[in-house]
């Protein structure tokens, strides 16, 4: 079986669009991880001393998310935005729980002092 003669092929052009250097998404990933950890550990805020951990993680997530959004192009900052949102929610929940614990502790301390001073027979 004879095949038709093939035309000689000229030099090939680039196989696709030129790719720039790979994007560094380290801050965006770190923001997302710390934001998720702040959500996971926000239940620790019931205990005042360990409530500092999710608050710190939330602050770190927001700061890294803001920095990553400034560095990355518009369409590629999804993980930075997710980290910021998780960090803000974790931060808000942690502050809420710490304030609830402080209010309950102050209320319990106040009840004991009021009860002992007002019931004088």
PDB file of N, CA and C in Angstrom:
ATOM      1  N   UNK A   1       0.834  -1.142   0.000  1.00  0.00           N
ATOM      2  CA  UNK A   1       0.000   0.000   0.000  1.00  0.00           C
ATOM      3  C   UNK A   1       0.899   1.230   0.000  1.00  0.00           C
ATOM      4  N   UNK A   2       0.631   2.134  -0.894  1.00  0.00           N
ATOM      5  CA  UNK A   2       1.424   3.351  -1.004  1.00  0.00           C
ATOM      6  C   UNK A   2       0.684   4.509  -0.353  1.00  0.00           C
ATOM      7  N   UNK A   3       1.413   5.226   0.429  1.00  0.00           N
ATOM      8  CA  UNK A   3       0.857   6.419   1.069  1.00  0.00           C
ATOM      9  C   UNK A   3       1.271   7.633   0.267  1.00  0.00           C
ATOM     10  N   UNK A   4       0.451   8.685   0.293  1.00  0.00           N
ATOM     11  CA  UNK A   4       0.841   9.888  -0.438  1.00  0.00           C
ATOM     12  C   UNK A   4       2.093  10.491   0.201  1.00  0.00           C
ATOM     13  N   UNK A   5       2.893  11.168  -0.604  1.00  0.00           N
ATOM     14  CA  UNK A   5       4.114  11.754  -0.040  1.00  0.00           C
ATOM     15  C   UNK A   5       3.761  12.820   0.993  1.00  0.00           C
ATOM     16  N   UNK A   6       4.545  12.870   2.023  1.00  0.00           N
ATOM     17  CA  UNK A   6       4.320  13.827   3.109  1.00  0.00           C
ATOM     18  C   UNK A   6       5.090  15.102   2.826  1.00  0.00           C
ATOM     19  N   UNK A   7       4.476  16.212   3.210  1.00  0.00           N
ATOM     20  CA  UNK A   7       5.146  17.497   3.059  1.00  0.00           C
ATOM     21  C   UNK A   7       6.178  17.643   4.170  1.00  0.00           C
ATOM     22  N   UNK A   8       7.329  18.212   3.850  1.00  0.00           N
ATOM     23  CA  UNK A   8       8.304  18.424   4.925  1.00  0.00           C
ATOM     24  C   UNK A   8       7.754  19.448   5.920  1.00  0.00           C
ATOM     25  N   UNK A   9       8.001  19.179   7.139  1.00  0.00           N
ATOM     26  CA  UNK A   9       7.491  20.055   8.193  1.00  0.00           C
ATOM     27  C   UNK A   9       8.553  21.085   8.540  1.00  0.00           C
ATOM     28  N   UNK A  10       8.083  22.316   8.698  1.00  0.00           N
ATOM     29  CA  UNK A  10       8.988  23.403   9.072  1.00  0.00           C
ATOM     30  C   UNK A  10       9.261  23.370  10.570  1.00  0.00           C
ATOM     31  N   UNK A  11       9.952  24.353  11.038  1.00  0.00           N
ATOM     32  CA  UNK A  11      10.246  24.387  12.480  1.00  0.00           C
ATOM     33  C   UNK A  11       8.958  24.555  13.284  1.00  0.00           C
ATOM     34  N   UNK A  12       8.893  23.842  14.352  1.00  0.00           N
ATOM     35  CA  UNK A  12       7.705  23.884  15.209  1.00  0.00           C
ATOM     36  C   UNK A  12       7.736  25.120  16.084  1.00  0.00           C
ATOM     37  N   UNK A  13       6.586  25.713  16.263  1.00  0.00           N
ATOM     38  CA  UNK A  13       6.452  26.844  17.173  1.00  0.00           C
ATOM     39  C   UNK A  13       6.371  26.344  18.607  1.00  0.00           C
ATOM     40  N   UNK A  14       6.214  27.242  19.522  1.00  0.00           N
ATOM     41  CA  UNK A  14       6.099  26.803  20.915  1.00  0.00           C
ATOM     42  C   UNK A  14       4.848  25.948  21.093  1.00  0.00           C
ATOM     43  N   UNK A  15       4.923  25.022  21.974  1.00  0.00           N
ATOM     44  CA  UNK A  15       3.829  24.081  22.173  1.00  0.00           C
ATOM     45  C   UNK A  15       2.656  24.709  22.920  1.00  0.00           C
ATOM     46  N   UNK A  16       2.850  25.799  23.531  1.00  0.00           N
ATOM     47  CA  UNK A  16       1.773  26.454  24.267  1.00  0.00           C
ATOM     48  C   UNK A  16       2.221  27.839  24.667  1.00  0.00           C
ATOM     49  N   UNK A  17       1.400  28.515  25.395  1.00  0.00           N
ATOM     50  CA  UNK A  17       1.796  29.853  25.829  1.00  0.00           C
ATOM     51  C   UNK A  17       2.982  29.775  26.776  1.00  0.00           C
ATOM     52  N   UNK A  18       3.783  30.783  26.733  1.00  0.00           N
ATOM     53  CA  UNK A  18       4.950  30.818  27.611  1.00  0.00           C
ATOM     54  C   UNK A  18       4.479  30.923  29.056  1.00  0.00           C
ATOM     55  N   UNK A  19       5.013  30.081  29.862  1.00  0.00           N
ATOM     56  CA  UNK A  19       4.660  30.079  31.281  1.00  0.00           C
ATOM     57  C   UNK A  19       5.683  30.912  32.035  1.00  0.00           C
ATOM     58  N   UNK A  20       5.196  31.736  32.921  1.00  0.00           N
ATOM     59  CA  UNK A  20       6.079  32.529  33.758  1.00  0.00           C
ATOM     60  C   UNK A  20       6.618  31.673  34.885  1.00  0.00           C
ATOM     61  N   UNK A  21       7.327  32.285  35.781  1.00  0.00           N
ATOM     62  CA  UNK A  21       7.809  31.512  36.923  1.00  0.00           C
ATOM     63  C   UNK A  21       6.628  31.034  37.760  1.00  0.00           C
ATOM     64  N   UNK A  22       6.773  29.898  38.406  1.00  0.00           N
ATOM     65  CA  UNK A  22       5.646  29.389  39.200  1.00  0.00           C
ATOM     66  C   UNK A  22       5.307  30.361  40.333  1.00  0.00           C
ATOM     67  N   UNK A  23       4.020  30.450  40.618  1.00  0.00           N
ATOM     68  CA  UNK A  23       3.566  31.356  41.663  1.00  0.00           C
ATOM     69  C   UNK A  23       3.886  30.764  43.028  1.00  0.00           C
ATOM     70  N   UNK A  24       4.289  31.615  43.935  1.00  0.00           N
ATOM     71  CA  UNK A  24       4.565  31.184  45.296  1.00  0.00           C
ATOM     72  C   UNK A  24       3.295  31.357  46.113  1.00  0.00           C
ATOM     73  N   UNK A  25       2.648  30.257  46.396  1.00  0.00           N
ATOM     74  CA  UNK A  25       1.390  30.304  47.138  1.00  0.00           C
ATOM     75  C   UNK A  25       1.583  29.871  48.588  1.00  0.00           C
ATOM     76  N   UNK A  26       2.801  30.004  49.086  1.00  0.00           N
ATOM     77  CA  UNK A  26       3.091  29.567  50.455  1.00  0.00           C
ATOM     78  C   UNK A  26       2.305  30.330  51.495  1.00  0.00           C
ATOM     79  N   UNK A  27       2.215  31.651  51.341  1.00  0.00           N
ATOM     80  CA  UNK A  27       1.477  32.447  52.320  1.00  0.00           C
ATOM     81  C   UNK A  27      -0.011  32.150  52.250  1.00  0.00           C
ATOM     82  N   UNK A  28      -0.516  31.924  51.054  1.00  0.00           N
ATOM     83  CA  UNK A  28      -1.942  31.611  50.912  1.00  0.00           C
ATOM     84  C   UNK A  28      -2.260  30.273  51.567  1.00  0.00           C
ATOM     85  N   UNK A  29      -1.397  29.293  51.359  1.00  0.00           N
ATOM     86  CA  UNK A  29      -1.607  27.981  51.970  1.00  0.00           C
ATOM     87  C   UNK A  29      -1.479  28.066  53.488  1.00  0.00           C
ATOM     88  N   UNK A  30      -0.485  28.806  53.958  1.00  0.00           N
ATOM     89  CA  UNK A  30      -0.313  28.969  55.405  1.00  0.00           C
ATOM     90  C   UNK A  30      -1.511  29.692  56.015  1.00  0.00           C
ATOM     91  N   UNK A  31      -2.048  30.661  55.299  1.00  0.00           N
ATOM     92  CA  UNK A  31      -3.230  31.375  55.773  1.00  0.00           C
ATOM     93  C   UNK A  31      -4.413  30.427  55.895  1.00  0.00           C
ATOM     94  N   UNK A  32      -4.589  29.576  54.897  1.00  0.00           N
ATOM     95  CA  UNK A  32      -5.707  28.647  54.926  1.00  0.00           C
ATOM     96  C   UNK A  32      -5.548  27.623  56.057  1.00  0.00           C
ATOM     97  N   UNK A  33      -4.341  27.109  56.242  1.00  0.00           N
ATOM     98  CA  UNK A  33      -4.104  26.117  57.292  1.00  0.00           C
ATOM     99  C   UNK A  33      -4.318  26.731  58.672  1.00  0.00           C
ATOM    100  N   UNK A  34      -3.763  27.918  58.912  1.00  0.00           N
ATOM    101  CA  UNK A  34      -3.939  28.533  60.233  1.00  0.00           C
ATOM    102  C   UNK A  34      -5.383  28.974  60.463  1.00  0.00           C
ATOM    103  N   UNK A  35      -6.079  29.368  59.402  1.00  0.00           N
ATOM    104  CA  UNK A  35      -7.485  29.712  59.540  1.00  0.00           C
ATOM    105  C   UNK A  35      -8.330  28.514  59.921  1.00  0.00           C
ATOM    106  N   UNK A  36      -8.065  27.385  59.284  1.00  0.00           N
ATOM    107  CA  UNK A  36      -8.805  26.157  59.619  1.00  0.00           C
ATOM    108  C   UNK A  36      -8.470  25.712  61.036  1.00  0.00           C
ATOM    109  N   UNK A  37      -7.196  25.809  61.420  1.00  0.00           N
ATOM    110  CA  UNK A  37      -6.818  25.437  62.787  1.00  0.00           C
ATOM    111  C   UNK A  37      -7.458  26.352  63.823  1.00  0.00           C
ATOM    112  N   UNK A  38      -7.617  27.625  63.492  1.00  0.00           N
ATOM    113  CA  UNK A  38      -8.286  28.521  64.445  1.00  0.00           C
ATOM    114  C   UNK A  38      -9.748  28.132  64.613  1.00  0.00           C
ATOM    115  N   UNK A  39     -10.377  27.656  63.539  1.00  0.00           N
ATOM    116  CA  UNK A  39     -11.761  27.168  63.657  1.00  0.00           C
ATOM    117  C   UNK A  39     -11.834  25.881  64.473  1.00  0.00           C
ATOM    118  N   UNK A  40     -10.865  24.993  64.252  1.00  0.00           N
ATOM    119  CA  UNK A  40     -10.867  23.714  64.958  1.00  0.00           C
ATOM    120  C   UNK A  40     -10.628  23.929  66.450  1.00  0.00           C
ATOM    121  N   UNK A  41      -9.707  24.827  66.778  1.00  0.00           N
ATOM    122  CA  UNK A  41      -9.331  25.022  68.172  1.00  0.00           C
ATOM    123  C   UNK A  41     -10.133  26.116  68.883  1.00  0.00           C
ATOM    124  N   UNK A  42     -11.125  26.711  68.233  1.00  0.00           N
ATOM    125  CA  UNK A  42     -11.868  27.780  68.911  1.00  0.00           C
ATOM    126  C   UNK A  42     -12.651  27.243  70.095  1.00  0.00           C
ATOM    127  N   UNK A  43     -12.926  25.957  70.146  1.00  0.00           N
ATOM    128  CA  UNK A  43     -13.598  25.398  71.317  1.00  0.00           C
ATOM    129  C   UNK A  43     -12.694  25.440  72.541  1.00  0.00           C
ATOM    130  N   UNK A  44     -11.383  25.582  72.345  1.00  0.00           N
ATOM    131  CA  UNK A  44     -10.468  25.703  73.481  1.00  0.00           C
ATOM    132  C   UNK A  44     -10.639  27.027  74.208  1.00  0.00           C
ATOM    133  N   UNK A  45     -11.342  27.956  73.599  1.00  0.00           N
ATOM    134  CA  UNK A  45     -11.525  29.267  74.218  1.00  0.00           C
ATOM    135  C   UNK A  45     -12.380  29.188  75.468  1.00  0.00           C
ATOM    136  N   UNK A  46     -13.017  28.057  75.713  1.00  0.00           N
ATOM    137  CA  UNK A  46     -13.771  27.870  76.948  1.00  0.00           C
ATOM    138  C   UNK A  46     -12.815  27.933  78.133  1.00  0.00           C
ATOM    139  N   UNK A  47     -11.601  27.472  77.920  1.00  0.00           N
ATOM    140  CA  UNK A  47     -10.563  27.578  78.938  1.00  0.00           C
ATOM    141  C   UNK A  47      -9.738  28.825  78.603  1.00  0.00           C
ATOM    142  N   UNK A  48      -9.723  29.786  79.473  1.00  0.00           N
ATOM    143  CA  UNK A  48      -9.190  31.114  79.154  1.00  0.00           C
ATOM    144  C   UNK A  48      -7.738  31.050  78.704  1.00  0.00           C
ATOM    145  N   UNK A  49      -6.895  30.294  79.380  1.00  0.00           N
ATOM    146  CA  UNK A  49      -5.478  30.303  79.036  1.00  0.00           C
ATOM    147  C   UNK A  49      -5.207  29.689  77.666  1.00  0.00           C
ATOM    148  N   UNK A  50      -5.939  28.646  77.321  1.00  0.00           N
ATOM    149  CA  UNK A  50      -5.742  28.049  76.001  1.00  0.00           C
ATOM    150  C   UNK A  50      -6.554  28.759  74.930  1.00  0.00           C
ATOM    151  N   UNK A  51      -7.389  29.706  75.301  1.00  0.00           N
ATOM    152  CA  UNK A  51      -8.129  30.501  74.332  1.00  0.00           C
ATOM    153  C   UNK A  51      -7.236  31.429  73.546  1.00  0.00           C
ATOM    154  N   UNK A  52      -6.033  31.635  74.030  1.00  0.00           N
ATOM    155  CA  UNK A  52      -5.078  32.491  73.329  1.00  0.00           C
ATOM    156  C   UNK A  52      -4.620  31.830  72.027  1.00  0.00           C
ATOM    157  N   UNK A  53      -4.562  30.508  72.005  1.00  0.00           N
ATOM    158  CA  UNK A  53      -4.061  29.786  70.820  1.00  0.00           C
ATOM    159  C   UNK A  53      -4.931  30.048  69.591  1.00  0.00           C
ATOM    160  N   UNK A  54      -6.253  29.833  69.639  1.00  0.00           N
ATOM    161  CA  UNK A  54      -7.042  30.104  68.429  1.00  0.00           C
ATOM    162  C   UNK A  54      -7.115  31.583  68.070  1.00  0.00           C
ATOM    163  N   UNK A  55      -7.009  32.450  69.068  1.00  0.00           N
ATOM    164  CA  UNK A  55      -6.993  33.884  68.764  1.00  0.00           C
ATOM    165  C   UNK A  55      -5.728  34.228  67.988  1.00  0.00           C
ATOM    166  N   UNK A  56      -4.595  33.699  68.433  1.00  0.00           N
ATOM    167  CA  UNK A  56      -3.332  33.948  67.729  1.00  0.00           C
ATOM    168  C   UNK A  56      -3.353  33.341  66.329  1.00  0.00           C
ATOM    169  N   UNK A  57      -3.902  32.134  66.197  1.00  0.00           N
ATOM    170  CA  UNK A  57      -3.991  31.499  64.875  1.00  0.00           C
ATOM    171  C   UNK A  57      -4.885  32.304  63.939  1.00  0.00           C
ATOM    172  N   UNK A  58      -5.972  32.848  64.453  1.00  0.00           N
ATOM    173  CA  UNK A  58      -6.865  33.665  63.635  1.00  0.00           C
ATOM    174  C   UNK A  58      -6.191  34.933  63.151  1.00  0.00           C
ATOM    175  N   UNK A  59      -5.430  35.575  64.036  1.00  0.00           N
ATOM    176  CA  UNK A  59      -4.720  36.793  63.644  1.00  0.00           C
ATOM    177  C   UNK A  59      -3.679  36.487  62.583  1.00  0.00           C
ATOM    178  N   UNK A  60      -2.928  35.399  62.772  1.00  0.00           N
ATOM    179  CA  UNK A  60      -1.910  35.003  61.788  1.00  0.00           C
ATOM    180  C   UNK A  60      -2.563  34.695  60.444  1.00  0.00           C
ATOM    181  N   UNK A  61      -3.715  34.019  60.459  1.00  0.00           N
ATOM    182  CA  UNK A  61      -4.408  33.674  59.215  1.00  0.00           C
ATOM    183  C   UNK A  61      -4.844  34.926  58.460  1.00  0.00           C
ATOM    184  N   UNK A  62      -5.359  35.910  59.178  1.00  0.00           N
ATOM    185  CA  UNK A  62      -5.807  37.144  58.523  1.00  0.00           C
ATOM    186  C   UNK A  62      -4.623  37.906  57.943  1.00  0.00           C
ATOM    187  N   UNK A  63      -3.537  38.023  58.709  1.00  0.00           N
ATOM    188  CA  UNK A  63      -2.366  38.761  58.236  1.00  0.00           C
ATOM    189  C   UNK A  63      -1.756  38.086  57.005  1.00  0.00           C
ATOM    190  N   UNK A  64      -1.573  36.761  57.064  1.00  0.00           N
ATOM    191  CA  UNK A  64      -1.017  36.053  55.909  1.00  0.00           C
ATOM    192  C   UNK A  64      -1.953  36.108  54.702  1.00  0.00           C
ATOM    193  N   UNK A  65      -3.252  36.046  54.948  1.00  0.00           N
ATOM    194  CA  UNK A  65      -4.209  36.126  53.848  1.00  0.00           C
ATOM    195  C   UNK A  65      -4.167  37.466  53.139  1.00  0.00           C
ATOM    196  N   UNK A  66      -4.043  38.547  53.907  1.00  0.00           N
ATOM    197  CA  UNK A  66      -3.960  39.880  53.303  1.00  0.00           C
ATOM    198  C   UNK A  66      -2.681  40.010  52.480  1.00  0.00           C
ATOM    199  N   UNK A  67      -1.559  39.534  53.030  1.00  0.00           N
ATOM    200  CA  UNK A  67      -0.292  39.602  52.302  1.00  0.00           C
ATOM    201  C   UNK A  67      -0.339  38.767  51.024  1.00  0.00           C
ATOM    202  N   UNK A  68      -0.917  37.569  51.100  1.00  0.00           N
ATOM    203  CA  UNK A  68      -0.978  36.689  49.932  1.00  0.00           C
ATOM    204  C   UNK A  68      -1.880  37.268  48.850  1.00  0.00           C
ATOM    205  N   UNK A  69      -2.988  37.896  49.255  1.00  0.00           N
ATOM    206  CA  UNK A  69      -3.893  38.491  48.256  1.00  0.00           C
ATOM    207  C   UNK A  69      -3.228  39.644  47.523  1.00  0.00           C
ATOM    208  N   UNK A  70      -2.333  40.363  48.199  1.00  0.00           N
ATOM    209  CA  UNK A  70      -1.611  41.446  47.537  1.00  0.00           C
ATOM    210  C   UNK A  70      -0.589  40.914  46.545  1.00  0.00           C
ATOM    211  N   UNK A  71       0.003  39.756  46.846  1.00  0.00           N
ATOM    212  CA  UNK A  71       1.073  39.206  46.010  1.00  0.00           C
ATOM    213  C   UNK A  71       0.554  38.407  44.819  1.00  0.00           C
ATOM    214  N   UNK A  72      -0.582  37.743  44.967  1.00  0.00           N
ATOM    215  CA  UNK A  72      -1.083  36.856  43.915  1.00  0.00           C
ATOM    216  C   UNK A  72      -1.968  37.618  42.936  1.00  0.00           C
ATOM    217  N   UNK A  73      -2.044  37.121  41.691  1.00  0.00           N
ATOM    218  CA  UNK A  73      -2.964  37.745  40.726  1.00  0.00           C
ATOM    219  C   UNK A  73      -4.417  37.579  41.165  1.00  0.00           C
ATOM    220  N   UNK A  74      -5.278  38.354  40.537  1.00  0.00           N
ATOM    221  CA  UNK A  74      -6.683  38.437  40.939  1.00  0.00           C
ATOM    222  C   UNK A  74      -7.375  37.076  40.978  1.00  0.00           C
ATOM    223  N   UNK A  75      -7.229  36.259  39.983  1.00  0.00           N
ATOM    224  CA  UNK A  75      -7.981  35.009  39.910  1.00  0.00           C
ATOM    225  C   UNK A  75      -7.367  33.855  40.670  1.00  0.00           C
ATOM    226  N   UNK A  76      -6.226  34.051  41.315  1.00  0.00           N
ATOM    227  CA  UNK A  76      -5.532  32.927  41.933  1.00  0.00           C
ATOM    228  C   UNK A  76      -5.361  33.089  43.432  1.00  0.00           C
ATOM    229  N   UNK A  77      -6.211  33.874  44.042  1.00  0.00           N
ATOM    230  CA  UNK A  77      -6.072  34.118  45.479  1.00  0.00           C
ATOM    231  C   UNK A  77      -7.189  33.462  46.282  1.00  0.00           C
ATOM    232  N   UNK A  78      -7.716  32.362  45.791  1.00  0.00           N
ATOM    233  CA  UNK A  78      -8.835  31.697  46.470  1.00  0.00           C
ATOM    234  C   UNK A  78      -8.468  31.125  47.818  1.00  0.00           C
ATOM    235  N   UNK A  79      -7.313  30.483  47.920  1.00  0.00           N
ATOM    236  CA  UNK A  79      -6.931  29.905  49.205  1.00  0.00           C
ATOM    237  C   UNK A  79      -6.583  30.991  50.210  1.00  0.00           C
ATOM    238  N   UNK A  80      -6.070  32.126  49.741  1.00  0.00           N
ATOM    239  CA  UNK A  80      -5.801  33.241  50.647  1.00  0.00           C
ATOM    240  C   UNK A  80      -7.113  33.807  51.189  1.00  0.00           C
ATOM    241  N   UNK A  81      -8.108  33.916  50.337  1.00  0.00           N
ATOM    242  CA  UNK A  81      -9.413  34.404  50.784  1.00  0.00           C
ATOM    243  C   UNK A  81     -10.053  33.421  51.754  1.00  0.00           C
ATOM    244  N   UNK A  82      -9.943  32.130  51.462  1.00  0.00           N
ATOM    245  CA  UNK A  82     -10.497  31.115  52.367  1.00  0.00           C
ATOM    246  C   UNK A  82      -9.812  31.176  53.723  1.00  0.00           C
ATOM    247  N   UNK A  83      -8.500  31.376  53.729  1.00  0.00           N
ATOM    248  CA  UNK A  83      -7.769  31.491  54.980  1.00  0.00           C
ATOM    249  C   UNK A  83      -8.190  32.711  55.777  1.00  0.00           C
ATOM    250  N   UNK A  84      -8.395  33.823  55.068  1.00  0.00           N
ATOM    251  CA  UNK A  84      -8.843  35.033  55.754  1.00  0.00           C
ATOM    252  C   UNK A  84     -10.221  34.839  56.371  1.00  0.00           C
ATOM    253  N   UNK A  85     -11.129  34.251  55.619  1.00  0.00           N
ATOM    254  CA  UNK A  85     -12.497  34.052  56.116  1.00  0.00           C
ATOM    255  C   UNK A  85     -12.501  33.106  57.315  1.00  0.00           C
ATOM    256  N   UNK A  86     -11.786  31.993  57.216  1.00  0.00           N
ATOM    257  CA  UNK A  86     -11.717  31.048  58.342  1.00  0.00           C
ATOM    258  C   UNK A  86     -11.059  31.702  59.548  1.00  0.00           C
ATOM    259  N   UNK A  87     -10.015  32.504  59.308  1.00  0.00           N
ATOM    260  CA  UNK A  87      -9.342  33.182  60.408  1.00  0.00           C
ATOM    261  C   UNK A  87     -10.243  34.192  61.102  1.00  0.00           C
ATOM    262  N   UNK A  88     -11.017  34.943  60.322  1.00  0.00           N
ATOM    263  CA  UNK A  88     -11.924  35.929  60.908  1.00  0.00           C
ATOM    264  C   UNK A  88     -13.028  35.244  61.715  1.00  0.00           C
ATOM    265  N   UNK A  89     -13.585  34.166  61.169  1.00  0.00           N
ATOM    266  CA  UNK A  89     -14.639  33.444  61.894  1.00  0.00           C
ATOM    267  C   UNK A  89     -14.078  32.805  63.161  1.00  0.00           C
ATOM    268  N   UNK A  90     -12.908  32.166  63.057  1.00  0.00           N
ATOM    269  CA  UNK A  90     -12.282  31.563  64.236  1.00  0.00           C
ATOM    270  C   UNK A  90     -11.930  32.593  65.286  1.00  0.00           C
ATOM    271  N   UNK A  91     -11.447  33.741  64.843  1.00  0.00           N
ATOM    272  CA  UNK A  91     -11.106  34.825  65.764  1.00  0.00           C
ATOM    273  C   UNK A  91     -12.361  35.341  66.479  1.00  0.00           C
ATOM    274  N   UNK A  92     -13.437  35.548  65.726  1.00  0.00           N
ATOM    275  CA  UNK A  92     -14.675  36.050  66.317  1.00  0.00           C
ATOM    276  C   UNK A  92     -15.262  35.047  67.318  1.00  0.00           C
ATOM    277  N   UNK A  93     -15.280  33.764  66.948  1.00  0.00           N
ATOM    278  CA  UNK A  93     -15.809  32.753  67.865  1.00  0.00           C
ATOM    279  C   UNK A  93     -14.964  32.637  69.122  1.00  0.00           C
ATOM    280  N   UNK A  94     -13.648  32.708  68.971  1.00  0.00           N
ATOM    281  CA  UNK A  94     -12.767  32.602  70.135  1.00  0.00           C
ATOM    282  C   UNK A  94     -12.949  33.775  71.076  1.00  0.00           C
ATOM    283  N   UNK A  95     -13.037  34.975  70.522  1.00  0.00           N
ATOM    284  CA  UNK A  95     -13.251  36.151  71.368  1.00  0.00           C
ATOM    285  C   UNK A  95     -14.619  36.070  72.050  1.00  0.00           C
ATOM    286  N   UNK A  96     -15.613  35.574  71.335  1.00  0.00           N
ATOM    287  CA  UNK A  96     -16.942  35.409  71.923  1.00  0.00           C
ATOM    288  C   UNK A  96     -16.900  34.449  73.112  1.00  0.00           C
ATOM    289  N   UNK A  97     -16.245  33.289  72.923  1.00  0.00           N
ATOM    290  CA  UNK A  97     -16.187  32.297  73.990  1.00  0.00           C
ATOM    291  C   UNK A  97     -15.401  32.809  75.189  1.00  0.00           C
ATOM    292  N   UNK A  98     -14.293  33.498  74.940  1.00  0.00           N
ATOM    293  CA  UNK A  98     -13.500  34.036  76.053  1.00  0.00           C
ATOM    294  C   UNK A  98     -14.320  35.067  76.825  1.00  0.00           C
ATOM    295  N   UNK A  99     -15.041  35.933  76.098  1.00  0.00           N
ATOM    296  CA  UNK A  99     -15.847  36.941  76.792  1.00  0.00           C
ATOM    297  C   UNK A  99     -16.993  36.288  77.569  1.00  0.00           C
ATOM    298  N   UNK A 100     -17.577  35.224  77.036  1.00  0.00           N
ATOM    299  CA  UNK A 100     -18.626  34.509  77.774  1.00  0.00           C
ATOM    300  C   UNK A 100     -18.079  33.904  79.058  1.00  0.00           C
ATOM    301  N   UNK A 101     -16.911  33.307  78.983  1.00  0.00           N
ATOM    302  CA  UNK A 101     -16.301  32.695  80.168  1.00  0.00           C
ATOM    303  C   UNK A 101     -15.984  33.764  81.208  1.00  0.00           C
ATOM    304  N   UNK A 102     -15.479  34.906  80.760  1.00  0.00           N
ATOM    305  CA  UNK A 102     -15.159  35.988  81.696  1.00  0.00           C
ATOM    306  C   UNK A 102     -16.426  36.517  82.349  1.00  0.00           C
ATOM    307  N   UNK A 103     -17.507  36.682  81.566  1.00  0.00           N
ATOM    308  CA  UNK A 103     -18.770  37.169  82.132  1.00  0.00           C
ATOM    309  C   UNK A 103     -19.354  36.186  83.131  1.00  0.00           C
ATOM    310  N   UNK A 104     -19.307  34.899  82.824  1.00  0.00           N
ATOM    311  CA  UNK A 104     -19.832  33.891  83.742  1.00  0.00           C
ATOM    312  C   UNK A 104     -18.998  33.858  85.015  1.00  0.00           C
ATOM    313  N   UNK A 105     -17.683  33.933  84.866  1.00  0.00           N
ATOM    314  CA  UNK A 105     -16.820  33.919  86.044  1.00  0.00           C
ATOM    315  C   UNK A 105     -17.061  35.154  86.907  1.00  0.00           C
ATOM    316  N   UNK A 106     -17.232  36.311  86.278  1.00  0.00           N
ATOM    317  CA  UNK A 106     -17.505  37.531  87.041  1.00  0.00           C
ATOM    318  C   UNK A 106     -18.872  37.454  87.710  1.00  0.00           C
ATOM    319  N   UNK A 107     -19.837  36.872  87.011  1.00  0.00           N
ATOM    320  CA  UNK A 107     -21.167  36.722  87.589  1.00  0.00           C
ATOM    321  C   UNK A 107     -21.171  35.795  88.780  1.00  0.00           C
ATOM    322  N   UNK A 108     -20.457  34.711  88.681  1.00  0.00           N
ATOM    323  CA  UNK A 108     -20.379  33.768  89.797  1.00  0.00           C
ATOM    324  C   UNK A 108     -19.674  34.399  90.987  1.00  0.00           C
ATOM    325  N   UNK A 109     -18.646  35.161  90.730  1.00  0.00           N
ATOM    326  CA  UNK A 109     -17.929  35.828  91.828  1.00  0.00           C
ATOM    327  C   UNK A 109     -18.815  36.886  92.460  1.00  0.00           C
ATOM    328  N   UNK A 110     -19.606  37.580  91.658  1.00  0.00           N
ATOM    329  CA  UNK A 110     -20.484  38.620  92.183  1.00  0.00           C
ATOM    330  C   UNK A 110     -21.645  38.060  92.972  1.00  0.00           C
ATOM    331  N   UNK A 111     -22.156  36.916  92.587  1.00  0.00           N
ATOM    332  CA  UNK A 111     -23.292  36.308  93.286  1.00  0.00           C
ATOM    333  C   UNK A 111     -22.893  35.934  94.701  1.00  0.00           C
ATOM    334  N   UNK A 112     -21.717  35.416  94.869  1.00  0.00           N
ATOM    335  CA  UNK A 112     -21.268  35.022  96.207  1.00  0.00           C
ATOM    336  C   UNK A 112     -21.101  36.219  97.116  1.00  0.00           C
ATOM    337  N   UNK A 113     -20.575  37.314  96.605  1.00  0.00           N
ATOM    338  CA  UNK A 113     -20.354  38.481  97.457  1.00  0.00           C
ATOM    339  C   UNK A 113     -21.661  39.212  97.753  1.00  0.00           C
ATOM    340  N   UNK A 114     -22.566  39.263  96.807  1.00  0.00           N
ATOM    341  CA  UNK A 114     -23.851  39.925  97.028  1.00  0.00           C
ATOM    342  C   UNK A 114     -24.695  39.123  97.997  1.00  0.00           C
ATOM    343  N   UNK A 115     -24.709  37.819  97.865  1.00  0.00           N
ATOM    344  CA  UNK A 115     -25.526  36.985  98.726  1.00  0.00           C
ATOM    345  C   UNK A 115     -25.055  37.065 100.165  1.00  0.00           C
ATOM    346  N   UNK A 116     -23.778  37.129 100.386  1.00  0.00           N
ATOM    347  CA  UNK A 116     -23.289  37.149 101.757  1.00  0.00           C
ATOM    348  C   UNK A 116     -23.489  38.508 102.412  1.00  0.00           C
ATOM    349  N   UNK A 117     -23.503  39.587 101.636  1.00  0.00           N
ATOM    350  CA  UNK A 117     -23.645  40.917 102.243  1.00  0.00           C
ATOM    351  C   UNK A 117     -25.102  41.337 102.384  1.00  0.00           C
ATOM    352  N   UNK A 118     -26.017  40.860 101.553  1.00  0.00           N
ATOM    353  CA  UNK A 118     -27.391  41.328 101.601  1.00  0.00           C
ATOM    354  C   UNK A 118     -28.275  40.523 102.552  1.00  0.00           C
ATOM    355  N   UNK A 119     -27.872  39.367 102.964  1.00  0.00           N
ATOM    356  CA  UNK A 119     -28.682  38.532 103.840  1.00  0.00           C
ATOM    357  C   UNK A 119     -28.170  38.612 105.275  1.00  0.00           C
ATOM    358  N   UNK A 120     -28.180  39.753 105.793  1.00  0.00           N
ATOM    359  CA  UNK A 120     -27.755  39.893 107.205  1.00  0.00           C
ATOM    360  C   UNK A 120     -28.990  39.854 108.089  1.00  0.00           C
ATOM    361  N   UNK A 121     -29.106  38.867 108.938  1.00  0.00           N
ATOM    362  CA  UNK A 121     -30.275  38.716 109.802  1.00  0.00           C
ATOM    363  C   UNK A 121     -30.012  39.353 111.091  1.00  0.00           C
TER     364      UNK A 121
END
